[in-house]
N, C-alpha and C. Protein backbone atom coordinates (compact mmCIF):
# COMPACT_ATOMS: atom_id res chain seq x y z
N ASN A 1 0.83 -1.18 0.00
CA ASN A 1 0.00 0.00 0.00
C ASN A 1 0.88 1.25 0.00
N MET A 2 1.35 1.61 -1.13
CA MET A 2 2.10 2.86 -1.26
C MET A 2 1.15 3.97 -1.65
N LYS A 3 1.40 5.12 -1.00
CA LYS A 3 0.55 6.26 -1.33
C LYS A 3 1.34 7.18 -2.25
N LEU A 4 0.83 7.40 -3.42
CA LEU A 4 1.48 8.27 -4.38
C LEU A 4 0.95 9.69 -4.23
N GLY A 5 1.76 10.64 -4.65
CA GLY A 5 1.35 12.05 -4.55
C GLY A 5 0.20 12.35 -5.47
N GLY A 6 -0.64 13.26 -5.08
CA GLY A 6 -1.79 13.63 -5.89
C GLY A 6 -1.69 15.07 -6.33
N LEU A 7 -2.71 15.53 -6.99
CA LEU A 7 -2.73 16.91 -7.47
C LEU A 7 -3.28 17.87 -6.43
N GLY A 8 -4.12 17.42 -5.55
CA GLY A 8 -4.75 18.29 -4.57
C GLY A 8 -4.01 18.29 -3.25
N PRO A 9 -4.52 19.08 -2.26
CA PRO A 9 -3.88 19.14 -0.95
C PRO A 9 -4.10 17.85 -0.17
N ASP A 10 -3.16 17.56 0.71
CA ASP A 10 -3.23 16.36 1.54
C ASP A 10 -3.84 16.77 2.88
N TYR A 11 -5.14 16.50 3.03
CA TYR A 11 -5.86 16.94 4.21
C TYR A 11 -5.43 16.22 5.48
N GLU A 12 -4.99 15.01 5.34
CA GLU A 12 -4.60 14.25 6.53
C GLU A 12 -3.36 14.86 7.20
N THR A 13 -2.36 15.23 6.44
CA THR A 13 -1.15 15.83 7.03
C THR A 13 -1.46 17.22 7.59
N ILE A 14 -2.36 17.94 6.92
CA ILE A 14 -2.73 19.27 7.42
C ILE A 14 -3.43 19.14 8.77
N LYS A 15 -4.32 18.15 8.91
CA LYS A 15 -5.02 17.93 10.18
C LYS A 15 -4.04 17.57 11.29
N GLU A 16 -3.03 16.78 10.96
CA GLU A 16 -2.03 16.40 11.96
C GLU A 16 -1.23 17.63 12.44
N LYS A 17 -0.86 18.48 11.50
CA LYS A 17 -0.09 19.68 11.85
C LYS A 17 -0.93 20.63 12.71
N VAL A 18 -2.20 20.81 12.35
CA VAL A 18 -3.08 21.69 13.12
C VAL A 18 -3.26 21.14 14.53
N LYS A 19 -3.43 19.83 14.65
CA LYS A 19 -3.60 19.19 15.96
C LYS A 19 -2.34 19.40 16.81
N LYS A 20 -1.18 19.24 16.21
CA LYS A 20 0.08 19.42 16.91
C LYS A 20 0.23 20.87 17.40
N LEU A 21 -0.13 21.85 16.55
CA LEU A 21 -0.06 23.26 16.93
C LEU A 21 -1.01 23.56 18.09
N LYS A 22 -2.21 22.99 18.07
CA LYS A 22 -3.17 23.20 19.15
C LYS A 22 -2.63 22.66 20.46
N LEU A 23 -2.02 21.47 20.41
CA LEU A 23 -1.43 20.89 21.62
C LEU A 23 -0.30 21.78 22.17
N GLN A 24 0.53 22.33 21.28
CA GLN A 24 1.61 23.21 21.71
C GLN A 24 1.07 24.46 22.39
N LYS A 25 0.03 25.05 21.80
CA LYS A 25 -0.55 26.26 22.38
C LYS A 25 -1.19 25.97 23.73
N GLU A 26 -1.86 24.85 23.86
CA GLU A 26 -2.48 24.47 25.13
C GLU A 26 -1.42 24.26 26.20
N TYR A 27 -0.34 23.58 25.84
CA TYR A 27 0.75 23.35 26.79
C TYR A 27 1.37 24.67 27.24
N SER A 28 1.62 25.59 26.30
CA SER A 28 2.21 26.88 26.66
C SER A 28 1.26 27.68 27.54
N ARG A 29 -0.05 27.59 27.32
CA ARG A 29 -1.02 28.29 28.16
C ARG A 29 -1.00 27.73 29.58
N GLN A 30 -0.93 26.40 29.70
CA GLN A 30 -0.89 25.78 31.02
C GLN A 30 0.38 26.17 31.79
N ILE A 31 1.50 26.16 31.11
CA ILE A 31 2.76 26.54 31.75
C ILE A 31 2.70 28.01 32.20
N ASN A 32 2.15 28.86 31.36
CA ASN A 32 2.04 30.27 31.71
C ASN A 32 1.18 30.45 32.95
N GLU A 33 0.05 29.77 33.03
CA GLU A 33 -0.82 29.86 34.21
C GLU A 33 -0.10 29.37 35.46
N TYR A 34 0.60 28.25 35.35
CA TYR A 34 1.32 27.69 36.48
C TYR A 34 2.37 28.67 36.99
N ASN A 35 3.10 29.28 36.06
CA ASN A 35 4.13 30.25 36.44
C ASN A 35 3.53 31.49 37.10
N MET A 36 2.41 31.94 36.59
CA MET A 36 1.77 33.13 37.17
C MET A 36 1.30 32.86 38.60
N LYS A 37 0.86 31.65 38.89
CA LYS A 37 0.38 31.32 40.23
C LYS A 37 1.52 31.10 41.21
N ASN A 38 2.57 30.41 40.80
CA ASN A 38 3.58 29.93 41.74
C ASN A 38 4.81 30.84 41.87
N ILE A 39 5.07 31.66 40.90
CA ILE A 39 6.27 32.48 40.98
C ILE A 39 5.95 33.73 41.80
N THR A 40 6.76 33.97 42.80
CA THR A 40 6.57 35.17 43.61
C THR A 40 7.10 36.37 42.84
N VAL A 41 6.72 37.53 43.26
CA VAL A 41 7.16 38.76 42.58
C VAL A 41 8.66 38.91 42.77
N VAL A 42 9.34 39.03 41.68
CA VAL A 42 10.79 39.17 41.72
C VAL A 42 11.11 40.59 42.14
N GLN A 43 12.05 40.70 43.08
CA GLN A 43 12.43 42.03 43.53
C GLN A 43 13.11 42.77 42.39
N ARG A 44 12.79 44.04 42.34
CA ARG A 44 13.38 44.85 41.28
C ARG A 44 14.84 45.15 41.60
N LEU A 45 15.57 45.49 40.56
CA LEU A 45 16.98 45.84 40.76
C LEU A 45 17.07 47.07 41.64
N PRO A 46 18.10 47.14 42.44
CA PRO A 46 18.23 48.33 43.30
C PRO A 46 18.44 49.58 42.45
N ALA A 47 17.93 50.67 42.95
CA ALA A 47 18.06 51.93 42.23
C ALA A 47 19.53 52.33 42.18
N LYS A 48 19.81 53.26 41.28
CA LYS A 48 21.19 53.74 41.16
C LYS A 48 21.63 54.33 42.50
N PRO A 49 22.85 54.12 42.86
CA PRO A 49 23.31 54.73 44.11
C PRO A 49 23.29 56.25 43.99
N GLN A 50 22.83 56.86 45.04
CA GLN A 50 22.73 58.32 45.03
C GLN A 50 24.12 58.95 45.05
N VAL A 51 24.32 59.90 44.16
CA VAL A 51 25.59 60.62 44.12
C VAL A 51 25.56 61.63 45.25
N SER A 52 26.59 61.64 46.02
CA SER A 52 26.61 62.55 47.16
C SER A 52 26.64 64.00 46.66
N SER A 53 25.99 64.85 47.43
CA SER A 53 25.92 66.24 47.03
C SER A 53 27.29 66.92 47.14
N VAL A 54 28.20 66.32 47.90
CA VAL A 54 29.54 66.90 48.04
C VAL A 54 30.26 66.86 46.69
N SER A 55 30.18 65.72 46.01
CA SER A 55 30.87 65.63 44.72
C SER A 55 30.23 66.55 43.70
N ARG A 56 28.92 66.73 43.79
CA ARG A 56 28.24 67.65 42.87
C ARG A 56 28.71 69.08 43.13
N GLN A 57 28.81 69.44 44.38
CA GLN A 57 29.27 70.79 44.72
C GLN A 57 30.69 71.03 44.22
N LYS A 58 31.54 70.02 44.37
CA LYS A 58 32.91 70.15 43.87
C LYS A 58 32.90 70.36 42.36
N ALA A 59 32.06 69.62 41.66
CA ALA A 59 32.00 69.75 40.20
C ALA A 59 31.50 71.13 39.80
N LEU A 60 30.51 71.65 40.51
CA LEU A 60 30.00 72.98 40.18
C LEU A 60 31.05 74.06 40.43
N GLU A 61 31.80 73.94 41.52
CA GLU A 61 32.84 74.92 41.79
C GLU A 61 33.95 74.84 40.75
N TYR A 62 34.29 73.63 40.33
CA TYR A 62 35.30 73.46 39.28
C TYR A 62 34.83 74.13 37.99
N ALA A 63 33.54 73.95 37.68
CA ALA A 63 33.01 74.54 36.46
C ALA A 63 33.04 76.06 36.52
N LYS A 64 32.89 76.63 37.72
CA LYS A 64 32.93 78.08 37.85
C LYS A 64 34.33 78.62 37.61
N ARG A 65 35.35 77.85 37.93
CA ARG A 65 36.73 78.32 37.80
C ARG A 65 37.29 78.19 36.39
N ILE A 66 36.63 77.43 35.53
CA ILE A 66 37.13 77.26 34.16
C ILE A 66 36.94 78.57 33.39
N PRO A 67 37.98 79.07 32.73
CA PRO A 67 37.81 80.31 31.96
C PRO A 67 36.88 80.08 30.77
N ARG A 68 36.01 81.01 30.55
CA ARG A 68 35.05 80.93 29.45
C ARG A 68 35.73 81.36 28.14
N PRO A 69 35.32 80.79 27.03
CA PRO A 69 35.91 81.21 25.75
C PRO A 69 35.48 82.64 25.42
N LYS A 70 36.36 83.35 24.76
CA LYS A 70 36.06 84.72 24.39
C LYS A 70 35.13 84.72 23.19
N THR A 71 34.15 85.59 23.22
CA THR A 71 33.22 85.68 22.10
C THR A 71 33.70 86.77 21.16
N PHE A 72 33.49 86.55 19.89
CA PHE A 72 33.90 87.51 18.89
C PHE A 72 32.75 88.47 18.63
N ILE A 73 33.11 89.74 18.49
CA ILE A 73 32.10 90.75 18.17
C ILE A 73 31.94 90.76 16.66
N THR A 74 30.73 90.53 16.21
CA THR A 74 30.51 90.47 14.76
C THR A 74 30.29 91.88 14.22
N ARG A 75 30.82 92.10 13.05
CA ARG A 75 30.62 93.38 12.38
C ARG A 75 29.27 93.36 11.70
N PRO A 76 28.64 94.50 11.56
CA PRO A 76 27.36 94.51 10.86
C PRO A 76 27.56 94.13 9.40
N SER A 77 26.58 93.45 8.84
CA SER A 77 26.70 93.00 7.45
C SER A 77 26.62 94.20 6.51
N ASP A 78 26.95 93.96 5.24
CA ASP A 78 26.95 95.03 4.25
C ASP A 78 25.56 95.63 4.07
N GLN A 79 24.54 94.81 4.17
CA GLN A 79 23.17 95.30 4.00
C GLN A 79 22.80 96.24 5.14
N GLU A 80 23.23 95.93 6.36
CA GLU A 80 22.94 96.79 7.49
C GLU A 80 23.67 98.12 7.36
N VAL A 81 24.91 98.06 6.85
CA VAL A 81 25.68 99.28 6.68
C VAL A 81 25.05 100.16 5.62
N LYS A 82 24.61 99.56 4.51
CA LYS A 82 23.99 100.33 3.44
C LYS A 82 22.68 100.95 3.90
N GLY A 83 21.94 100.21 4.72
CA GLY A 83 20.65 100.69 5.19
C GLY A 83 20.79 101.77 6.25
N ALA A 84 21.94 101.87 6.88
CA ALA A 84 22.11 102.85 7.94
C ALA A 84 22.26 104.24 7.33
N VAL A 85 21.51 105.16 7.89
CA VAL A 85 21.58 106.55 7.42
C VAL A 85 22.43 107.33 8.41
N PRO A 86 23.48 108.02 7.94
CA PRO A 86 24.31 108.78 8.87
C PRO A 86 23.52 109.93 9.47
N GLN A 87 23.73 110.17 10.75
CA GLN A 87 23.07 111.26 11.44
C GLN A 87 23.74 112.58 11.04
N PRO A 88 22.97 113.62 10.97
CA PRO A 88 23.58 114.92 10.63
C PRO A 88 24.56 115.35 11.72
N GLY A 89 25.66 115.89 11.32
CA GLY A 89 26.67 116.36 12.26
C GLY A 89 27.73 115.31 12.56
N THR A 90 27.53 114.07 12.13
CA THR A 90 28.56 113.05 12.35
C THR A 90 29.35 112.89 11.08
N SER A 91 30.65 112.69 11.25
CA SER A 91 31.49 112.54 10.08
C SER A 91 31.55 111.07 9.66
N LEU A 92 31.71 110.84 8.40
CA LEU A 92 31.82 109.48 7.88
C LEU A 92 33.20 108.94 8.21
N PRO A 93 33.35 107.61 8.34
CA PRO A 93 34.68 107.05 8.60
C PRO A 93 35.60 107.28 7.42
N GLN A 94 36.88 107.36 7.71
CA GLN A 94 37.86 107.59 6.67
C GLN A 94 37.97 106.36 5.78
N ILE A 95 37.97 106.58 4.48
CA ILE A 95 38.15 105.51 3.52
C ILE A 95 39.64 105.44 3.21
N PRO A 96 40.26 104.25 3.33
CA PRO A 96 41.69 104.17 3.04
C PRO A 96 41.96 104.51 1.58
N SER A 97 43.09 105.10 1.37
CA SER A 97 43.42 105.51 0.01
C SER A 97 43.75 104.28 -0.83
N LEU A 98 43.68 104.47 -2.13
CA LEU A 98 43.93 103.36 -3.05
C LEU A 98 45.35 102.86 -2.94
N GLU A 99 46.32 103.76 -2.70
CA GLU A 99 47.71 103.33 -2.59
C GLU A 99 47.93 102.45 -1.37
N SER A 100 47.32 102.82 -0.24
CA SER A 100 47.51 102.01 0.97
C SER A 100 46.86 100.62 0.79
N LEU A 101 45.71 100.58 0.12
CA LEU A 101 45.08 99.29 -0.14
C LEU A 101 45.95 98.45 -1.08
N TRP A 102 46.53 99.08 -2.08
CA TRP A 102 47.38 98.35 -3.03
C TRP A 102 48.63 97.81 -2.33
N ASP A 103 49.23 98.60 -1.46
CA ASP A 103 50.42 98.14 -0.72
C ASP A 103 50.06 96.95 0.18
N ARG A 104 48.94 97.06 0.84
CA ARG A 104 48.51 95.95 1.70
C ARG A 104 48.29 94.68 0.88
N HIS A 105 47.68 94.83 -0.30
CA HIS A 105 47.44 93.69 -1.18
C HIS A 105 48.76 93.02 -1.58
N GLU A 106 49.74 93.83 -1.91
CA GLU A 106 51.04 93.29 -2.33
C GLU A 106 51.72 92.54 -1.18
N ARG A 107 51.67 93.11 0.04
CA ARG A 107 52.28 92.44 1.20
C ARG A 107 51.61 91.09 1.47
N GLU A 108 50.28 91.07 1.42
CA GLU A 108 49.56 89.82 1.68
C GLU A 108 49.83 88.80 0.58
N LYS A 109 50.01 89.27 -0.63
CA LYS A 109 50.34 88.37 -1.74
C LYS A 109 51.70 87.72 -1.51
N GLU A 110 52.67 88.49 -1.00
CA GLU A 110 54.00 87.95 -0.69
C GLU A 110 53.91 86.91 0.43
N LEU A 111 53.08 87.18 1.44
CA LEU A 111 52.91 86.22 2.54
C LEU A 111 52.33 84.90 2.04
N VAL A 112 51.34 84.99 1.17
CA VAL A 112 50.74 83.78 0.63
C VAL A 112 51.76 83.00 -0.19
N ALA A 113 52.56 83.70 -0.96
CA ALA A 113 53.59 83.03 -1.76
C ALA A 113 54.60 82.33 -0.85
N ALA A 114 54.95 82.97 0.29
CA ALA A 114 55.89 82.36 1.23
C ALA A 114 55.29 81.10 1.84
N PHE A 115 54.02 81.14 2.21
CA PHE A 115 53.37 79.95 2.77
C PHE A 115 53.31 78.83 1.75
N LYS A 116 53.02 79.16 0.51
CA LYS A 116 52.96 78.14 -0.54
C LYS A 116 54.32 77.50 -0.76
N SER A 117 55.39 78.29 -0.67
CA SER A 117 56.71 77.74 -0.90
C SER A 117 57.12 76.81 0.25
N LEU A 118 56.59 77.05 1.45
CA LEU A 118 56.87 76.18 2.60
C LEU A 118 55.90 74.99 2.66
N HIS A 119 54.96 74.94 1.74
CA HIS A 119 53.95 73.88 1.68
C HIS A 119 53.10 73.82 2.94
N ILE A 120 52.88 74.94 3.56
CA ILE A 120 52.02 75.01 4.75
C ILE A 120 50.58 75.22 4.33
N PHE A 121 50.35 75.97 3.32
CA PHE A 121 49.02 76.38 2.90
C PHE A 121 48.33 75.32 2.13
């Protein structure tokens, strides 16, 4: 009596698998109930140890003694400068002459060339 494969589903094996799954679920339900009844409440982990206020005070005093970084004063943007109307009676700031600007440009150009030759830049 050999059973050959057919074209349709095999209902007998499906019924066996479903029965096995039902038994597994029933067993897990019974175990869960047993554990809920018999297991006492597990004590929770102890809370973090309290940090003494002395060490906190020391840390705060240390933080007070650290020098703060210097803040840079920002210049007003070009739009703010253009929008500003000079008050009557105040003189405008001196505009550097073209020669002084050209000299400064040449000096900075030489510095950049020196940095490039040292391969720093």
